[in-house]
Amino acid sequence: MIYYLVAPNKVFRAGGSVLTYHFDRELAVGMIVEIEVGKQKALGVIIQQVAPPEFKTKPILRTVLDTPLPPHLLKVADFLGDYYATHTAVVWQTILPAGLK
């Protein structure tokens, strides 16, 4: 198993912006994936690969696109969240295309 920090495009709690998930093969940073947040499905962006955590993780359900987002777009999303003091999920809702499912 390979573990990733994923930024969902849904607000799941006020203080959190990324969750840890696992997948059976290596994925690139910036890949758009489908994940389960609570009992709902959501889109998320892989932020980075991480070491295996000491807690149980949910699997990444599937990759949505074969091409990852460019690194500069990830930096812009991070900047926008900091600059406007808004949740990362709101930034991803703005950046990702509305029809992406």
N, C-alpha and C. Protein backbone atom coordinates (compact mmCIF):
# COMPACT_ATOMS: atom_id res chain seq x y z
N MET A 1 0.83 -1.19 0.00
CA MET A 1 0.00 0.00 0.00
C MET A 1 0.87 1.25 0.00
N ILE A 2 0.42 2.24 -0.72
CA ILE A 2 1.08 3.54 -0.75
C ILE A 2 0.10 4.55 -0.19
N TYR A 3 0.59 5.45 0.66
CA TYR A 3 -0.27 6.39 1.38
C TYR A 3 -0.08 7.81 0.86
N TYR A 4 -1.21 8.55 0.84
CA TYR A 4 -1.22 9.89 0.27
C TYR A 4 -2.01 10.85 1.14
N LEU A 5 -1.58 12.11 1.14
CA LEU A 5 -2.41 13.18 1.70
C LEU A 5 -3.27 13.69 0.56
N VAL A 6 -4.57 13.71 0.79
CA VAL A 6 -5.52 14.12 -0.24
C VAL A 6 -6.34 15.29 0.29
N ALA A 7 -6.47 16.33 -0.54
CA ALA A 7 -7.28 17.51 -0.19
C ALA A 7 -8.65 17.35 -0.85
N PRO A 8 -9.70 17.05 -0.07
CA PRO A 8 -11.05 16.90 -0.65
C PRO A 8 -11.61 18.25 -1.12
N ASN A 9 -12.55 18.19 -2.03
CA ASN A 9 -13.21 19.42 -2.47
C ASN A 9 -14.48 19.69 -1.68
N LYS A 10 -14.63 19.01 -0.53
CA LYS A 10 -15.75 19.25 0.39
C LYS A 10 -15.17 19.56 1.77
N VAL A 11 -15.79 20.50 2.45
CA VAL A 11 -15.36 20.83 3.81
C VAL A 11 -15.84 19.71 4.72
N PHE A 12 -14.92 19.06 5.41
CA PHE A 12 -15.29 17.95 6.29
C PHE A 12 -15.17 18.33 7.76
N ARG A 13 -14.37 19.31 8.09
CA ARG A 13 -14.30 19.89 9.43
C ARG A 13 -13.57 21.21 9.33
N ALA A 14 -13.82 22.09 10.27
CA ALA A 14 -13.30 23.45 10.20
C ALA A 14 -11.78 23.51 10.18
N GLY A 15 -11.10 22.71 11.00
CA GLY A 15 -9.66 22.81 11.11
C GLY A 15 -8.86 21.94 10.18
N GLY A 16 -9.50 21.06 9.43
CA GLY A 16 -8.77 20.11 8.60
C GLY A 16 -8.92 20.38 7.12
N SER A 17 -7.82 20.21 6.39
CA SER A 17 -7.93 20.42 4.94
C SER A 17 -7.42 19.22 4.14
N VAL A 18 -6.72 18.28 4.79
CA VAL A 18 -6.26 17.08 4.09
C VAL A 18 -6.53 15.84 4.93
N LEU A 19 -6.67 14.72 4.24
CA LEU A 19 -6.89 13.43 4.88
C LEU A 19 -5.90 12.43 4.29
N THR A 20 -5.62 11.36 5.01
CA THR A 20 -4.71 10.33 4.53
C THR A 20 -5.51 9.16 3.97
N TYR A 21 -5.14 8.73 2.76
CA TYR A 21 -5.78 7.60 2.08
C TYR A 21 -4.69 6.68 1.56
N HIS A 22 -5.08 5.48 1.15
CA HIS A 22 -4.12 4.55 0.55
C HIS A 22 -4.61 4.07 -0.82
N PHE A 23 -3.65 3.61 -1.62
CA PHE A 23 -3.95 3.08 -2.94
C PHE A 23 -2.94 1.98 -3.23
N ASP A 24 -3.30 1.05 -4.08
CA ASP A 24 -2.43 -0.11 -4.32
C ASP A 24 -1.29 0.14 -5.30
N ARG A 25 -1.29 1.28 -5.97
CA ARG A 25 -0.18 1.59 -6.87
C ARG A 25 0.20 3.07 -6.72
N GLU A 26 1.35 3.41 -7.28
CA GLU A 26 1.85 4.77 -7.13
C GLU A 26 1.06 5.75 -8.01
N LEU A 27 0.71 6.88 -7.42
CA LEU A 27 0.00 7.95 -8.12
C LEU A 27 0.84 9.21 -8.05
N ALA A 28 0.69 10.07 -9.03
CA ALA A 28 1.44 11.32 -9.06
C ALA A 28 0.77 12.38 -8.20
N VAL A 29 1.59 13.25 -7.65
CA VAL A 29 1.06 14.41 -6.93
C VAL A 29 0.28 15.25 -7.94
N GLY A 30 -0.90 15.71 -7.55
CA GLY A 30 -1.75 16.49 -8.43
C GLY A 30 -2.84 15.68 -9.11
N MET A 31 -2.84 14.37 -8.92
CA MET A 31 -3.89 13.55 -9.51
C MET A 31 -5.22 13.86 -8.85
N ILE A 32 -6.27 13.89 -9.65
CA ILE A 32 -7.63 14.07 -9.12
C ILE A 32 -8.20 12.67 -8.91
N VAL A 33 -8.66 12.42 -7.69
CA VAL A 33 -9.15 11.09 -7.33
C VAL A 33 -10.52 11.19 -6.68
N GLU A 34 -11.21 10.06 -6.66
CA GLU A 34 -12.48 9.98 -5.94
C GLU A 34 -12.21 9.29 -4.61
N ILE A 35 -12.71 9.90 -3.54
CA ILE A 35 -12.51 9.39 -2.19
C ILE A 35 -13.83 9.37 -1.45
N GLU A 36 -13.82 8.71 -0.32
CA GLU A 36 -14.99 8.70 0.55
C GLU A 36 -14.66 9.55 1.78
N VAL A 37 -15.48 10.57 2.00
CA VAL A 37 -15.34 11.43 3.18
C VAL A 37 -16.58 11.20 4.03
N GLY A 38 -16.39 10.52 5.15
CA GLY A 38 -17.56 10.08 5.92
C GLY A 38 -18.26 9.01 5.12
N LYS A 39 -19.52 9.23 4.82
CA LYS A 39 -20.28 8.28 3.99
C LYS A 39 -20.54 8.81 2.60
N GLN A 40 -19.98 9.99 2.29
CA GLN A 40 -20.21 10.61 0.99
C GLN A 40 -18.97 10.48 0.11
N LYS A 41 -19.18 10.42 -1.18
CA LYS A 41 -18.08 10.42 -2.12
C LYS A 41 -17.75 11.86 -2.49
N ALA A 42 -16.48 12.12 -2.70
CA ALA A 42 -16.02 13.45 -3.07
C ALA A 42 -14.81 13.33 -3.97
N LEU A 43 -14.50 14.41 -4.65
CA LEU A 43 -13.26 14.48 -5.40
C LEU A 43 -12.18 15.02 -4.48
N GLY A 44 -10.96 14.67 -4.77
CA GLY A 44 -9.84 15.18 -4.01
C GLY A 44 -8.61 15.26 -4.88
N VAL A 45 -7.64 16.03 -4.42
CA VAL A 45 -6.38 16.20 -5.15
C VAL A 45 -5.26 15.65 -4.28
N ILE A 46 -4.43 14.80 -4.85
CA ILE A 46 -3.30 14.26 -4.10
C ILE A 46 -2.28 15.37 -3.89
N ILE A 47 -1.96 15.63 -2.63
CA ILE A 47 -1.04 16.69 -2.27
C ILE A 47 0.38 16.15 -2.13
N GLN A 48 0.53 14.99 -1.50
CA GLN A 48 1.85 14.38 -1.38
C GLN A 48 1.75 12.93 -0.94
N GLN A 49 2.81 12.19 -1.19
CA GLN A 49 2.92 10.82 -0.72
C GLN A 49 3.53 10.87 0.68
N VAL A 50 3.03 10.03 1.59
CA VAL A 50 3.49 10.05 2.98
C VAL A 50 3.85 8.63 3.44
N ALA A 51 4.54 8.58 4.57
CA ALA A 51 4.89 7.30 5.18
C ALA A 51 3.62 6.64 5.73
N PRO A 52 3.64 5.33 5.88
CA PRO A 52 2.46 4.65 6.44
C PRO A 52 2.11 5.20 7.83
N PRO A 53 0.85 5.61 8.02
CA PRO A 53 0.44 6.15 9.31
C PRO A 53 0.18 5.03 10.32
N GLU A 54 0.01 5.42 11.56
CA GLU A 54 -0.27 4.46 12.64
C GLU A 54 -1.77 4.24 12.83
N PHE A 55 -2.57 4.80 11.96
CA PHE A 55 -4.02 4.66 12.06
C PHE A 55 -4.55 4.05 10.76
N LYS A 56 -5.78 3.56 10.82
CA LYS A 56 -6.42 2.94 9.67
C LYS A 56 -6.83 4.02 8.67
N THR A 57 -6.63 3.74 7.39
CA THR A 57 -7.00 4.69 6.35
C THR A 57 -8.01 4.07 5.39
N LYS A 58 -8.74 4.93 4.71
CA LYS A 58 -9.68 4.48 3.68
C LYS A 58 -8.95 4.43 2.34
N PRO A 59 -9.44 3.63 1.42
CA PRO A 59 -8.80 3.56 0.11
C PRO A 59 -9.25 4.72 -0.80
N ILE A 60 -8.38 5.06 -1.72
CA ILE A 60 -8.77 5.94 -2.83
C ILE A 60 -9.63 5.06 -3.73
N LEU A 61 -10.82 5.52 -4.07
CA LEU A 61 -11.76 4.70 -4.85
C LEU A 61 -11.32 4.54 -6.30
N ARG A 62 -10.89 5.65 -6.91
CA ARG A 62 -10.46 5.59 -8.31
C ARG A 62 -9.80 6.90 -8.70
N THR A 63 -9.06 6.88 -9.78
CA THR A 63 -8.52 8.11 -10.34
C THR A 63 -9.55 8.66 -11.32
N VAL A 64 -9.70 9.96 -11.34
CA VAL A 64 -10.70 10.58 -12.21
C VAL A 64 -10.09 10.93 -13.57
N LEU A 65 -8.89 11.48 -13.55
CA LEU A 65 -8.18 11.82 -14.79
C LEU A 65 -6.82 11.13 -14.78
N ASP A 66 -6.31 10.83 -15.96
CA ASP A 66 -5.01 10.18 -16.06
C ASP A 66 -3.85 11.17 -15.92
N THR A 67 -4.11 12.44 -16.17
CA THR A 67 -3.07 13.47 -16.12
C THR A 67 -3.18 14.26 -14.82
N PRO A 68 -2.08 14.40 -14.09
CA PRO A 68 -2.13 15.19 -12.85
C PRO A 68 -2.19 16.69 -13.15
N LEU A 69 -2.67 17.44 -12.18
CA LEU A 69 -2.67 18.89 -12.29
C LEU A 69 -1.23 19.38 -12.27
N PRO A 70 -0.92 20.47 -12.97
CA PRO A 70 0.46 20.96 -12.99
C PRO A 70 0.87 21.50 -11.60
N PRO A 71 2.15 21.37 -11.26
CA PRO A 71 2.63 21.81 -9.94
C PRO A 71 2.32 23.28 -9.63
N HIS A 72 2.37 24.14 -10.66
CA HIS A 72 2.10 25.55 -10.38
C HIS A 72 0.65 25.78 -9.97
N LEU A 73 -0.28 24.95 -10.43
CA LEU A 73 -1.67 25.08 -10.02
C LEU A 73 -1.85 24.68 -8.55
N LEU A 74 -1.09 23.68 -8.10
CA LEU A 74 -1.12 23.29 -6.69
C LEU A 74 -0.60 24.43 -5.81
N LYS A 75 0.44 25.12 -6.28
CA LYS A 75 0.99 26.26 -5.54
C LYS A 75 -0.01 27.41 -5.49
N VAL A 76 -0.70 27.65 -6.60
CA VAL A 76 -1.70 28.71 -6.63
C VAL A 76 -2.84 28.39 -5.66
N ALA A 77 -3.28 27.15 -5.61
CA ALA A 77 -4.35 26.76 -4.69
C ALA A 77 -3.93 26.98 -3.24
N ASP A 78 -2.70 26.61 -2.93
CA ASP A 78 -2.17 26.81 -1.58
C ASP A 78 -2.10 28.30 -1.24
N PHE A 79 -1.62 29.10 -2.19
CA PHE A 79 -1.53 30.55 -1.99
C PHE A 79 -2.91 31.17 -1.77
N LEU A 80 -3.88 30.79 -2.59
CA LEU A 80 -5.23 31.35 -2.48
C LEU A 80 -5.86 31.04 -1.12
N GLY A 81 -5.67 29.82 -0.64
CA GLY A 81 -6.20 29.45 0.66
C GLY A 81 -5.61 30.29 1.77
N ASP A 82 -4.29 30.53 1.71
CA ASP A 82 -3.63 31.36 2.72
C ASP A 82 -4.01 32.82 2.59
N TYR A 83 -3.96 33.34 1.36
CA TYR A 83 -4.20 34.76 1.12
C TYR A 83 -5.62 35.17 1.52
N TYR A 84 -6.59 34.37 1.13
CA TYR A 84 -7.98 34.70 1.43
C TYR A 84 -8.49 34.07 2.72
N ALA A 85 -7.61 33.39 3.44
CA ALA A 85 -7.95 32.76 4.73
C ALA A 85 -9.23 31.94 4.60
N THR A 86 -9.24 31.09 3.60
CA THR A 86 -10.41 30.24 3.37
C THR A 86 -9.99 28.78 3.40
N HIS A 87 -10.95 27.93 3.55
CA HIS A 87 -10.71 26.49 3.61
C HIS A 87 -10.21 26.01 2.25
N THR A 88 -9.29 25.06 2.26
CA THR A 88 -8.73 24.51 1.02
C THR A 88 -9.81 23.90 0.13
N ALA A 89 -10.83 23.31 0.72
CA ALA A 89 -11.90 22.70 -0.07
C ALA A 89 -12.62 23.75 -0.92
N VAL A 90 -12.78 24.94 -0.39
CA VAL A 90 -13.44 26.02 -1.15
C VAL A 90 -12.57 26.43 -2.33
N VAL A 91 -11.27 26.46 -2.13
CA VAL A 91 -10.35 26.79 -3.22
C VAL A 91 -10.46 25.73 -4.32
N TRP A 92 -10.47 24.45 -3.94
CA TRP A 92 -10.57 23.39 -4.96
C TRP A 92 -11.91 23.41 -5.66
N GLN A 93 -12.98 23.79 -4.96
CA GLN A 93 -14.29 23.91 -5.61
C GLN A 93 -14.25 24.99 -6.68
N THR A 94 -13.45 26.02 -6.46
CA THR A 94 -13.32 27.12 -7.42
C THR A 94 -12.43 26.74 -8.59
N ILE A 95 -11.34 26.05 -8.31
CA ILE A 95 -10.36 25.74 -9.37
C ILE A 95 -10.80 24.59 -10.26
N LEU A 96 -11.34 23.54 -9.69
CA LEU A 96 -11.69 22.35 -10.48
C LEU A 96 -12.94 22.64 -11.32
N PRO A 97 -13.01 22.10 -12.52
CA PRO A 97 -14.19 22.31 -13.37
C PRO A 97 -15.46 21.76 -12.70
N ALA A 98 -16.56 22.47 -12.87
CA ALA A 98 -17.83 22.11 -12.22
C ALA A 98 -18.35 20.75 -12.69
N GLY A 99 -18.15 20.39 -13.93
CA GLY A 99 -18.70 19.15 -14.46
C GLY A 99 -17.84 17.93 -14.23
N LEU A 100 -16.75 18.08 -13.49
CA LEU A 100 -15.83 16.97 -13.25
C LEU A 100 -16.44 16.02 -12.24
N LYS A 101 -16.72 14.81 -12.65
CA LYS A 101 -17.32 13.80 -11.76
C LYS A 101 -16.57 12.51 -11.88
